[in-house]
PDB file of all heavy atoms in Angstrom:
ATOM      1  N   LEU A   1      73.027  -0.648 -27.076  1.00  0.00           N
ATOM      2  CA  LEU A   1      73.418  -0.099 -25.784  1.00  0.00           C
ATOM      3  C   LEU A   1      72.901   1.321 -25.661  1.00  0.00           C
ATOM      4  O   LEU A   1      73.168   2.162 -26.528  1.00  0.00           O
ATOM      5  CB  LEU A   1      74.939  -0.123 -25.641  1.00  0.00           C
ATOM      6  CG  LEU A   1      75.533   0.549 -24.408  1.00  0.00           C
ATOM      7  CD1 LEU A   1      75.096  -0.174 -23.146  1.00  0.00           C
ATOM      8  CD2 LEU A   1      77.046   0.591 -24.514  1.00  0.00           C
ATOM      9  N   VAL A   2      72.155   1.578 -24.595  1.00  0.00           N
ATOM     10  CA  VAL A   2      71.626   2.914 -24.338  1.00  0.00           C
ATOM     11  C   VAL A   2      71.796   3.255 -22.870  1.00  0.00           C
ATOM     12  O   VAL A   2      71.944   2.371 -22.026  1.00  0.00           O
ATOM     13  CB  VAL A   2      70.138   3.049 -24.728  1.00  0.00           C
ATOM     14  CG1 VAL A   2      69.945   2.833 -26.218  1.00  0.00           C
ATOM     15  CG2 VAL A   2      69.289   2.076 -23.921  1.00  0.00           C
ATOM     16  N   GLN A   3      71.770   4.540 -22.575  1.00  0.00           N
ATOM     17  CA  GLN A   3      71.813   4.994 -21.195  1.00  0.00           C
ATOM     18  C   GLN A   3      70.421   4.972 -20.581  1.00  0.00           C
ATOM     19  O   GLN A   3      69.409   5.038 -21.284  1.00  0.00           O
ATOM     20  CB  GLN A   3      72.393   6.405 -21.108  1.00  0.00           C
ATOM     21  CG  GLN A   3      73.861   6.493 -21.464  1.00  0.00           C
ATOM     22  CD  GLN A   3      74.431   7.878 -21.233  1.00  0.00           C
ATOM     23  OE1 GLN A   3      73.704   8.873 -21.259  1.00  0.00           O
ATOM     24  NE2 GLN A   3      75.729   7.950 -21.000  1.00  0.00           N
ATOM     25  N   ALA A   4      70.392   4.858 -19.264  1.00  0.00           N
ATOM     26  CA  ALA A   4      69.120   4.904 -18.556  1.00  0.00           C
ATOM     27  C   ALA A   4      68.352   6.164 -18.932  1.00  0.00           C
ATOM     28  O   ALA A   4      68.924   7.253 -19.030  1.00  0.00           O
ATOM     29  CB  ALA A   4      69.349   4.853 -17.053  1.00  0.00           C
ATOM     30  N   GLY A   5      67.058   5.989 -19.147  1.00  0.00           N
ATOM     31  CA  GLY A   5      66.221   7.087 -19.578  1.00  0.00           C
ATOM     32  C   GLY A   5      66.074   7.202 -21.076  1.00  0.00           C
ATOM     33  O   GLY A   5      65.213   7.956 -21.556  1.00  0.00           O
ATOM     34  N   GLY A   6      66.880   6.460 -21.809  1.00  0.00           N
ATOM     35  CA  GLY A   6      66.833   6.510 -23.253  1.00  0.00           C
ATOM     36  C   GLY A   6      65.752   5.626 -23.836  1.00  0.00           C
ATOM     37  O   GLY A   6      64.970   5.000 -23.117  1.00  0.00           O
ATOM     38  N   SER A   7      65.732   5.562 -25.164  1.00  0.00           N
ATOM     39  CA  SER A   7      64.708   4.817 -25.877  1.00  0.00           C
ATOM     40  C   SER A   7      65.312   3.932 -26.950  1.00  0.00           C
ATOM     41  O   SER A   7      66.376   4.234 -27.495  1.00  0.00           O
ATOM     42  CB  SER A   7      63.706   5.767 -26.544  1.00  0.00           C
ATOM     43  OG  SER A   7      63.013   6.552 -25.595  1.00  0.00           O
ATOM     44  N   LEU A   8      64.627   2.851 -27.247  1.00  0.00           N
ATOM     45  CA  LEU A   8      64.951   1.973 -28.352  1.00  0.00           C
ATOM     46  C   LEU A   8      63.658   1.492 -28.981  1.00  0.00           C
ATOM     47  O   LEU A   8      62.639   1.390 -28.298  1.00  0.00           O
ATOM     48  CB  LEU A   8      65.762   0.755 -27.907  1.00  0.00           C
ATOM     49  CG  LEU A   8      67.246   0.919 -27.600  1.00  0.00           C
ATOM     50  CD1 LEU A   8      67.793  -0.397 -27.041  1.00  0.00           C
ATOM     51  CD2 LEU A   8      68.017   1.327 -28.843  1.00  0.00           C
ATOM     52  N   ARG A   9      63.721   1.178 -30.252  1.00  0.00           N
ATOM     53  CA  ARG A   9      62.589   0.578 -30.942  1.00  0.00           C
ATOM     54  C   ARG A   9      63.036  -0.727 -31.569  1.00  0.00           C
ATOM     55  O   ARG A   9      63.880  -0.734 -32.465  1.00  0.00           O
ATOM     56  CB  ARG A   9      62.031   1.502 -32.016  1.00  0.00           C
ATOM     57  CG  ARG A   9      60.687   1.036 -32.571  1.00  0.00           C
ATOM     58  CD  ARG A   9      60.288   1.829 -33.792  1.00  0.00           C
ATOM     59  NE  ARG A   9      58.880   1.645 -34.124  1.00  0.00           N
ATOM     60  CZ  ARG A   9      58.348   1.944 -35.304  1.00  0.00           C
ATOM     61  NH1 ARG A   9      59.100   2.469 -36.262  1.00  0.00           N
ATOM     62  NH2 ARG A   9      57.055   1.750 -35.512  1.00  0.00           N
ATOM     63  N   LEU A  10      62.467  -1.817 -31.096  1.00  0.00           N
ATOM     64  CA  LEU A  10      62.761  -3.128 -31.639  1.00  0.00           C
ATOM     65  C   LEU A  10      61.780  -3.462 -32.752  1.00  0.00           C
ATOM     66  O   LEU A  10      60.609  -3.098 -32.691  1.00  0.00           O
ATOM     67  CB  LEU A  10      62.678  -4.201 -30.555  1.00  0.00           C
ATOM     68  CG  LEU A  10      63.523  -3.995 -29.300  1.00  0.00           C
ATOM     69  CD1 LEU A  10      63.373  -5.190 -28.369  1.00  0.00           C
ATOM     70  CD2 LEU A  10      64.979  -3.753 -29.652  1.00  0.00           C
ATOM     71  N   SER A  11      62.278  -4.173 -33.747  1.00  0.00           N
ATOM     72  CA  SER A  11      61.450  -4.634 -34.847  1.00  0.00           C
ATOM     73  C   SER A  11      61.604  -6.136 -35.002  1.00  0.00           C
ATOM     74  O   SER A  11      62.669  -6.693 -34.732  1.00  0.00           O
ATOM     75  CB  SER A  11      61.841  -3.950 -36.163  1.00  0.00           C
ATOM     76  OG  SER A  11      61.667  -2.553 -36.093  1.00  0.00           O
ATOM     77  N   CYS A  12      60.553  -6.776 -35.443  1.00  0.00           N
ATOM     78  CA  CYS A  12      60.580  -8.202 -35.736  1.00  0.00           C
ATOM     79  C   CYS A  12      59.860  -8.423 -37.049  1.00  0.00           C
ATOM     80  O   CYS A  12      58.648  -8.211 -37.138  1.00  0.00           O
ATOM     81  CB  CYS A  12      59.916  -9.004 -34.616  1.00  0.00           C
ATOM     82  SG  CYS A  12      59.695 -10.761 -34.987  1.00  0.00           S
ATOM     83  N   ALA A  13      60.620  -8.827 -38.054  1.00  0.00           N
ATOM     84  CA  ALA A  13      60.068  -9.104 -39.372  1.00  0.00           C
ATOM     85  C   ALA A  13      59.798 -10.592 -39.500  1.00  0.00           C
ATOM     86  O   ALA A  13      60.692 -11.411 -39.280  1.00  0.00           O
ATOM     87  CB  ALA A  13      61.027  -8.642 -40.457  1.00  0.00           C
ATOM     88  N   ALA A  14      58.575 -10.933 -39.856  1.00  0.00           N
ATOM     89  CA  ALA A  14      58.155 -12.324 -39.935  1.00  0.00           C
ATOM     90  C   ALA A  14      57.961 -12.753 -41.378  1.00  0.00           C
ATOM     91  O   ALA A  14      57.502 -11.983 -42.222  1.00  0.00           O
ATOM     92  CB  ALA A  14      56.854 -12.537 -39.158  1.00  0.00           C
ATOM     93  N   SER A  15      58.294 -13.998 -41.639  1.00  0.00           N
ATOM     94  CA  SER A  15      58.039 -14.597 -42.937  1.00  0.00           C
ATOM     95  C   SER A  15      57.689 -16.065 -42.743  1.00  0.00           C
ATOM     96  O   SER A  15      58.052 -16.676 -41.735  1.00  0.00           O
ATOM     97  CB  SER A  15      59.246 -14.457 -43.873  1.00  0.00           C
ATOM     98  OG  SER A  15      60.386 -15.099 -43.329  1.00  0.00           O
ATOM     99  N   GLY A  16      56.972 -16.620 -43.695  1.00  0.00           N
ATOM    100  CA  GLY A  16      56.598 -18.018 -43.615  1.00  0.00           C
ATOM    101  C   GLY A  16      55.370 -18.300 -42.781  1.00  0.00           C
ATOM    102  O   GLY A  16      55.025 -19.468 -42.560  1.00  0.00           O
ATOM    103  N   ILE A  17      54.701 -17.267 -42.300  1.00  0.00           N
ATOM    104  CA  ILE A  17      53.472 -17.407 -41.535  1.00  0.00           C
ATOM    105  C   ILE A  17      52.422 -16.458 -42.088  1.00  0.00           C
ATOM    106  O   ILE A  17      52.758 -15.491 -42.784  1.00  0.00           O
ATOM    107  CB  ILE A  17      53.668 -17.133 -40.028  1.00  0.00           C
ATOM    108  CG1 ILE A  17      54.112 -15.682 -39.805  1.00  0.00           C
ATOM    109  CG2 ILE A  17      54.652 -18.113 -39.417  1.00  0.00           C
ATOM    110  CD1 ILE A  17      54.121 -15.258 -38.356  1.00  0.00           C
ATOM    111  N   THR A  18      51.174 -16.761 -41.789  1.00  0.00           N
ATOM    112  CA  THR A  18      50.108 -15.814 -42.096  1.00  0.00           C
ATOM    113  C   THR A  18      50.083 -14.811 -40.954  1.00  0.00           C
ATOM    114  O   THR A  18      49.422 -15.003 -39.937  1.00  0.00           O
ATOM    115  CB  THR A  18      48.765 -16.534 -42.237  1.00  0.00           C
ATOM    116  OG1 THR A  18      48.872 -17.558 -43.230  1.00  0.00           O
ATOM    117  CG2 THR A  18      47.679 -15.549 -42.664  1.00  0.00           C
ATOM    118  N   PHE A  19      50.827 -13.735 -41.135  1.00  0.00           N
ATOM    119  CA  PHE A  19      51.140 -12.827 -40.044  1.00  0.00           C
ATOM    120  C   PHE A  19      49.887 -12.290 -39.356  1.00  0.00           C
ATOM    121  O   PHE A  19      49.811 -12.249 -38.127  1.00  0.00           O
ATOM    122  CB  PHE A  19      52.003 -11.676 -40.561  1.00  0.00           C
ATOM    123  CG  PHE A  19      52.421 -10.705 -39.498  1.00  0.00           C
ATOM    124  CD1 PHE A  19      53.528 -10.962 -38.710  1.00  0.00           C
ATOM    125  CD2 PHE A  19      51.709  -9.541 -39.290  1.00  0.00           C
ATOM    126  CE1 PHE A  19      53.927 -10.077 -37.726  1.00  0.00           C
ATOM    127  CE2 PHE A  19      52.093  -8.640 -38.311  1.00  0.00           C
ATOM    128  CZ  PHE A  19      53.201  -8.907 -37.525  1.00  0.00           C
ATOM    129  N   SER A  20      48.916 -11.874 -40.137  1.00  0.00           N
ATOM    130  CA  SER A  20      47.734 -11.228 -39.576  1.00  0.00           C
ATOM    131  C   SER A  20      46.920 -12.150 -38.677  1.00  0.00           C
ATOM    132  O   SER A  20      46.132 -11.668 -37.863  1.00  0.00           O
ATOM    133  CB  SER A  20      46.843 -10.678 -40.691  1.00  0.00           C
ATOM    134  OG  SER A  20      46.348 -11.720 -41.511  1.00  0.00           O
ATOM    135  N   ARG A  21      47.099 -13.437 -38.810  1.00  0.00           N
ATOM    136  CA  ARG A  21      46.358 -14.400 -38.004  1.00  0.00           C
ATOM    137  C   ARG A  21      47.096 -14.808 -36.731  1.00  0.00           C
ATOM    138  O   ARG A  21      46.554 -15.567 -35.920  1.00  0.00           O
ATOM    139  CB  ARG A  21      46.036 -15.650 -38.826  1.00  0.00           C
ATOM    140  CG  ARG A  21      45.009 -15.410 -39.928  1.00  0.00           C
ATOM    141  CD  ARG A  21      44.635 -16.716 -40.607  1.00  0.00           C
ATOM    142  NE  ARG A  21      43.560 -16.532 -41.574  1.00  0.00           N
ATOM    143  CZ  ARG A  21      42.267 -16.628 -41.283  1.00  0.00           C
ATOM    144  NH1 ARG A  21      41.875 -16.919 -40.049  1.00  0.00           N
ATOM    145  NH2 ARG A  21      41.361 -16.436 -42.230  1.00  0.00           N
ATOM    146  N   ASN A  22      48.308 -14.336 -36.560  1.00  0.00           N
ATOM    147  CA  ASN A  22      49.115 -14.714 -35.411  1.00  0.00           C
ATOM    148  C   ASN A  22      49.066 -13.686 -34.303  1.00  0.00           C
ATOM    149  O   ASN A  22      49.059 -12.477 -34.567  1.00  0.00           O
ATOM    150  CB  ASN A  22      50.569 -14.918 -35.836  1.00  0.00           C
ATOM    151  CG  ASN A  22      50.833 -16.285 -36.413  1.00  0.00           C
ATOM    152  OD1 ASN A  22      51.382 -17.152 -35.732  1.00  0.00           O
ATOM    153  ND2 ASN A  22      50.446 -16.483 -37.661  1.00  0.00           N
ATOM    154  N   ASP A  23      49.012 -14.183 -33.071  1.00  0.00           N
ATOM    155  CA  ASP A  23      49.303 -13.338 -31.930  1.00  0.00           C
ATOM    156  C   ASP A  23      50.813 -13.145 -31.876  1.00  0.00           C
ATOM    157  O   ASP A  23      51.575 -14.097 -32.035  1.00  0.00           O
ATOM    158  CB  ASP A  23      48.827 -13.976 -30.627  1.00  0.00           C
ATOM    159  CG  ASP A  23      47.342 -14.230 -30.604  1.00  0.00           C
ATOM    160  OD1 ASP A  23      46.593 -13.512 -31.304  1.00  0.00           O
ATOM    161  OD2 ASP A  23      46.914 -15.140 -29.871  1.00  0.00           O
ATOM    162  N   MET A  24      51.250 -11.919 -31.649  1.00  0.00           N
ATOM    163  CA  MET A  24      52.672 -11.606 -31.618  1.00  0.00           C
ATOM    164  C   MET A  24      53.060 -11.102 -30.238  1.00  0.00           C
ATOM    165  O   MET A  24      52.307 -10.370 -29.597  1.00  0.00           O
ATOM    166  CB  MET A  24      53.025 -10.554 -32.662  1.00  0.00           C
ATOM    167  CG  MET A  24      52.648 -10.928 -34.092  1.00  0.00           C
ATOM    168  SD  MET A  24      53.506 -12.417 -34.694  1.00  0.00           S
ATOM    169  CE  MET A  24      55.224 -11.880 -34.597  1.00  0.00           C
ATOM    170  N   GLY A  25      54.243 -11.481 -29.804  1.00  0.00           N
ATOM    171  CA  GLY A  25      54.689 -11.064 -28.488  1.00  0.00           C
ATOM    172  C   GLY A  25      56.174 -10.802 -28.428  1.00  0.00           C
ATOM    173  O   GLY A  25      56.941 -11.222 -29.305  1.00  0.00           O
ATOM    174  N   TRP A  26      56.545 -10.072 -27.396  1.00  0.00           N
ATOM    175  CA  TRP A  26      57.945  -9.855 -27.063  1.00  0.00           C
ATOM    176  C   TRP A  26      58.214 -10.435 -25.679  1.00  0.00           C
ATOM    177  O   TRP A  26      57.464 -10.176 -24.731  1.00  0.00           O
ATOM    178  CB  TRP A  26      58.304  -8.372 -27.063  1.00  0.00           C
ATOM    179  CG  TRP A  26      58.376  -7.763 -28.426  1.00  0.00           C
ATOM    180  CD1 TRP A  26      57.415  -7.068 -29.081  1.00  0.00           C
ATOM    181  CD2 TRP A  26      59.506  -7.794 -29.307  1.00  0.00           C
ATOM    182  NE1 TRP A  26      57.859  -6.658 -30.312  1.00  0.00           N
ATOM    183  CE2 TRP A  26      59.147  -7.093 -30.475  1.00  0.00           C
ATOM    184  CE3 TRP A  26      60.790  -8.341 -29.223  1.00  0.00           C
ATOM    185  CZ2 TRP A  26      60.014  -6.924 -31.555  1.00  0.00           C
ATOM    186  CZ3 TRP A  26      61.653  -8.179 -30.297  1.00  0.00           C
ATOM    187  CH2 TRP A  26      61.259  -7.477 -31.437  1.00  0.00           C
ATOM    188  N   PHE A  27      59.260 -11.215 -25.591  1.00  0.00           N
ATOM    189  CA  PHE A  27      59.727 -11.783 -24.343  1.00  0.00           C
ATOM    190  C   PHE A  27      61.158 -11.332 -24.106  1.00  0.00           C
ATOM    191  O   PHE A  27      61.833 -10.885 -25.033  1.00  0.00           O
ATOM    192  CB  PHE A  27      59.673 -13.312 -24.378  1.00  0.00           C
ATOM    193  CG  PHE A  27      58.285 -13.887 -24.399  1.00  0.00           C
ATOM    194  CD1 PHE A  27      57.478 -13.779 -25.516  1.00  0.00           C
ATOM    195  CD2 PHE A  27      57.787 -14.559 -23.293  1.00  0.00           C
ATOM    196  CE1 PHE A  27      56.207 -14.316 -25.545  1.00  0.00           C
ATOM    197  CE2 PHE A  27      56.517 -15.106 -23.301  1.00  0.00           C
ATOM    198  CZ  PHE A  27      55.725 -14.983 -24.419  1.00  0.00           C
ATOM    199  N   ARG A  28      61.612 -11.458 -22.884  1.00  0.00           N
ATOM    200  CA  ARG A  28      63.003 -11.130 -22.601  1.00  0.00           C
ATOM    201  C   ARG A  28      63.568 -12.094 -21.573  1.00  0.00           C
ATOM    202  O   ARG A  28      62.837 -12.670 -20.765  1.00  0.00           O
ATOM    203  CB  ARG A  28      63.155  -9.684 -22.118  1.00  0.00           C
ATOM    204  CG  ARG A  28      62.539  -9.392 -20.756  1.00  0.00           C
ATOM    205  CD  ARG A  28      62.612  -7.906 -20.453  1.00  0.00           C
ATOM    206  NE  ARG A  28      62.057  -7.580 -19.150  1.00  0.00           N
ATOM    207  CZ  ARG A  28      61.879  -6.351 -18.687  1.00  0.00           C
ATOM    208  NH1 ARG A  28      62.225  -5.306 -19.451  1.00  0.00           N
ATOM    209  NH2 ARG A  28      61.374  -6.139 -17.487  1.00  0.00           N
ATOM    210  N   GLN A  29      64.877 -12.251 -21.623  1.00  0.00           N
ATOM    211  CA  GLN A  29      65.561 -13.119 -20.691  1.00  0.00           C
ATOM    212  C   GLN A  29      66.873 -12.475 -20.274  1.00  0.00           C
ATOM    213  O   GLN A  29      67.742 -12.218 -21.107  1.00  0.00           O
ATOM    214  CB  GLN A  29      65.825 -14.493 -21.303  1.00  0.00           C
ATOM    215  CG  GLN A  29      66.388 -15.507 -20.328  1.00  0.00           C
ATOM    216  CD  GLN A  29      66.349 -16.919 -20.873  1.00  0.00           C
ATOM    217  OE1 GLN A  29      66.298 -17.130 -22.080  1.00  0.00           O
ATOM    218  NE2 GLN A  29      66.358 -17.892 -19.979  1.00  0.00           N
ATOM    219  N   ALA A  30      66.988 -12.204 -18.989  1.00  0.00           N
ATOM    220  CA  ALA A  30      68.211 -11.668 -18.419  1.00  0.00           C
ATOM    221  C   ALA A  30      69.072 -12.821 -17.915  1.00  0.00           C
ATOM    222  O   ALA A  30      68.558 -13.905 -17.621  1.00  0.00           O
ATOM    223  CB  ALA A  30      67.889 -10.703 -17.284  1.00  0.00           C
ATOM    224  N   PRO A  31      70.382 -12.614 -17.793  1.00  0.00           N
ATOM    225  CA  PRO A  31      71.254 -13.680 -17.304  1.00  0.00           C
ATOM    226  C   PRO A  31      70.804 -14.214 -15.951  1.00  0.00           C
ATOM    227  O   PRO A  31      70.529 -13.444 -15.030  1.00  0.00           O
ATOM    228  CB  PRO A  31      72.619 -12.997 -17.207  1.00  0.00           C
ATOM    229  CG  PRO A  31      72.561 -11.897 -18.207  1.00  0.00           C
ATOM    230  CD  PRO A  31      71.138 -11.409 -18.161  1.00  0.00           C
ATOM    231  N   GLY A  32      70.706 -15.531 -15.850  1.00  0.00           N
ATOM    232  CA  GLY A  32      70.310 -16.160 -14.604  1.00  0.00           C
ATOM    233  C   GLY A  32      68.834 -16.128 -14.307  1.00  0.00           C
ATOM    234  O   GLY A  32      68.420 -16.583 -13.229  1.00  0.00           O
ATOM    235  N   LYS A  33      68.035 -15.607 -15.215  1.00  0.00           N
ATOM    236  CA  LYS A  33      66.602 -15.515 -15.000  1.00  0.00           C
ATOM    237  C   LYS A  33      65.841 -16.246 -16.096  1.00  0.00           C
ATOM    238  O   LYS A  33      66.374 -16.507 -17.173  1.00  0.00           O
ATOM    239  CB  LYS A  33      66.153 -14.051 -14.945  1.00  0.00           C
ATOM    240  CG  LYS A  33      66.757 -13.253 -13.806  1.00  0.00           C
ATOM    241  CD  LYS A  33      66.203 -11.843 -13.780  1.00  0.00           C
ATOM    242  CE  LYS A  33      66.774 -11.047 -12.625  1.00  0.00           C
ATOM    243  NZ  LYS A  33      66.240  -9.655 -12.600  1.00  0.00           N
ATOM    244  N   GLN A  34      64.594 -16.577 -15.797  1.00  0.00           N
ATOM    245  CA  GLN A  34      63.743 -17.225 -16.776  1.00  0.00           C
ATOM    246  C   GLN A  34      63.211 -16.214 -17.782  1.00  0.00           C
ATOM    247  O   GLN A  34      63.125 -15.015 -17.504  1.00  0.00           O
ATOM    248  CB  GLN A  34      62.579 -17.940 -16.090  1.00  0.00           C
ATOM    249  CG  GLN A  34      62.984 -19.142 -15.262  1.00  0.00           C
ATOM    250  CD  GLN A  34      61.793 -19.942 -14.803  1.00  0.00           C
ATOM    251  OE1 GLN A  34      60.678 -19.436 -14.718  1.00  0.00           O
ATOM    252  NE2 GLN A  34      62.025 -21.208 -14.509  1.00  0.00           N
ATOM    253  N   ARG A  35      62.870 -16.718 -18.940  1.00  0.00           N
ATOM    254  CA  ARG A  35      62.274 -15.867 -19.951  1.00  0.00           C
ATOM    255  C   ARG A  35      60.895 -15.396 -19.481  1.00  0.00           C
ATOM    256  O   ARG A  35      60.106 -16.184 -18.953  1.00  0.00           O
ATOM    257  CB  ARG A  35      62.157 -16.628 -21.269  1.00  0.00           C
ATOM    258  CG  ARG A  35      61.760 -15.773 -22.452  1.00  0.00           C
ATOM    259  CD  ARG A  35      61.867 -16.552 -23.761  1.00  0.00           C
ATOM    260  NE  ARG A  35      63.224 -17.009 -24.022  1.00  0.00           N
ATOM    261  CZ  ARG A  35      63.609 -17.603 -25.140  1.00  0.00           C
ATOM    262  NH1 ARG A  35      62.737 -17.810 -26.121  1.00  0.00           N
ATOM    263  NH2 ARG A  35      64.863 -18.001 -25.284  1.00  0.00           N
ATOM    264  N   GLU A  36      60.612 -14.119 -19.672  1.00  0.00           N
ATOM    265  CA  GLU A  36      59.357 -13.558 -19.217  1.00  0.00           C
ATOM    266  C   GLU A  36      58.672 -12.789 -20.331  1.00  0.00           C
ATOM    267  O   GLU A  36      59.312 -12.229 -21.220  1.00  0.00           O
ATOM    268  CB  GLU A  36      59.582 -12.632 -18.014  1.00  0.00           C
ATOM    269  CG  GLU A  36      60.405 -11.394 -18.329  1.00  0.00           C
ATOM    270  CD  GLU A  36      60.505 -10.428 -17.163  1.00  0.00           C
ATOM    271  OE1 GLU A  36      59.774 -10.591 -16.170  1.00  0.00           O
ATOM    272  OE2 GLU A  36      61.332  -9.488 -17.247  1.00  0.00           O
ATOM    273  N   LEU A  37      57.364 -12.766 -20.250  1.00  0.00           N
ATOM    274  CA  LEU A  37      56.565 -12.004 -21.204  1.00  0.00           C
ATOM    275  C   LEU A  37      56.729 -10.518 -20.940  1.00  0.00           C
ATOM    276  O   LEU A  37      56.622 -10.059 -19.801  1.00  0.00           O
ATOM    277  CB  LEU A  37      55.091 -12.397 -21.096  1.00  0.00           C
ATOM    278  CG  LEU A  37      54.112 -11.582 -21.938  1.00  0.00           C
ATOM    279  CD1 LEU A  37      54.320 -11.868 -23.423  1.00  0.00           C
ATOM    280  CD2 LEU A  37      52.675 -11.891 -21.537  1.00  0.00           C
ATOM    281  N   VAL A  38      56.975  -9.762 -21.990  1.00  0.00           N
ATOM    282  CA  VAL A  38      57.056  -8.315 -21.908  1.00  0.00           C
ATOM    283  C   VAL A  38      55.762  -7.678 -22.399  1.00  0.00           C
ATOM    284  O   VAL A  38      55.171  -6.835 -21.725  1.00  0.00           O
ATOM    285  CB  VAL A  38      58.245  -7.770 -22.711  1.00  0.00           C
ATOM    286  CG1 VAL A  38      58.277  -6.242 -22.682  1.00  0.00           C
ATOM    287  CG2 VAL A  38      59.554  -8.339 -22.181  1.00  0.00           C
ATOM    288  N   ALA A  39      55.334  -8.070 -23.583  1.00  0.00           N
ATOM    289  CA  ALA A  39      54.134  -7.506 -24.184  1.00  0.00           C
ATOM    290  C   ALA A  39      53.609  -8.460 -25.236  1.00  0.00           C
ATOM    291  O   ALA A  39      54.367  -9.217 -25.840  1.00  0.00           O
ATOM    292  CB  ALA A  39      54.416  -6.136 -24.811  1.00  0.00           C
ATOM    293  N   VAL A  40      52.315  -8.420 -25.460  1.00  0.00           N
ATOM    294  CA  VAL A  40      51.694  -9.238 -26.484  1.00  0.00           C
ATOM    295  C   VAL A  40      50.627  -8.418 -27.198  1.00  0.00           C
ATOM    296  O   VAL A  40      49.967  -7.572 -26.577  1.00  0.00           O
ATOM    297  CB  VAL A  40      51.083 -10.530 -25.888  1.00  0.00           C
ATOM    298  CG1 VAL A  40      49.985 -10.206 -24.888  1.00  0.00           C
ATOM    299  CG2 VAL A  40      50.568 -11.448 -26.985  1.00  0.00           C
ATOM    300  N   ILE A  41      50.495  -8.654 -28.484  1.00  0.00           N
ATOM    301  CA  ILE A  41      49.427  -8.046 -29.262  1.00  0.00           C
ATOM    302  C   ILE A  41      48.751  -9.160 -30.049  1.00  0.00           C
ATOM    303  O   ILE A  41      49.400  -9.919 -30.765  1.00  0.00           O
ATOM    304  CB  ILE A  41      49.943  -6.909 -30.180  1.00  0.00           C
ATOM    305  CG1 ILE A  41      48.780  -6.262 -30.929  1.00  0.00           C
ATOM    306  CG2 ILE A  41      51.030  -7.399 -31.128  1.00  0.00           C
ATOM    307  CD1 ILE A  41      49.157  -4.935 -31.582  1.00  0.00           C
TER     308      ILE A  41
END
């Protein structure tokens, strides 16, 4: 929980995959809405 204007850093630790060969992305889903792409690398 943060106030408007603030910052957060999310992390995702992966195991069981060849990480360097995978495209990685962040998606989000708000209540009542479909999941949407936020960013991909």
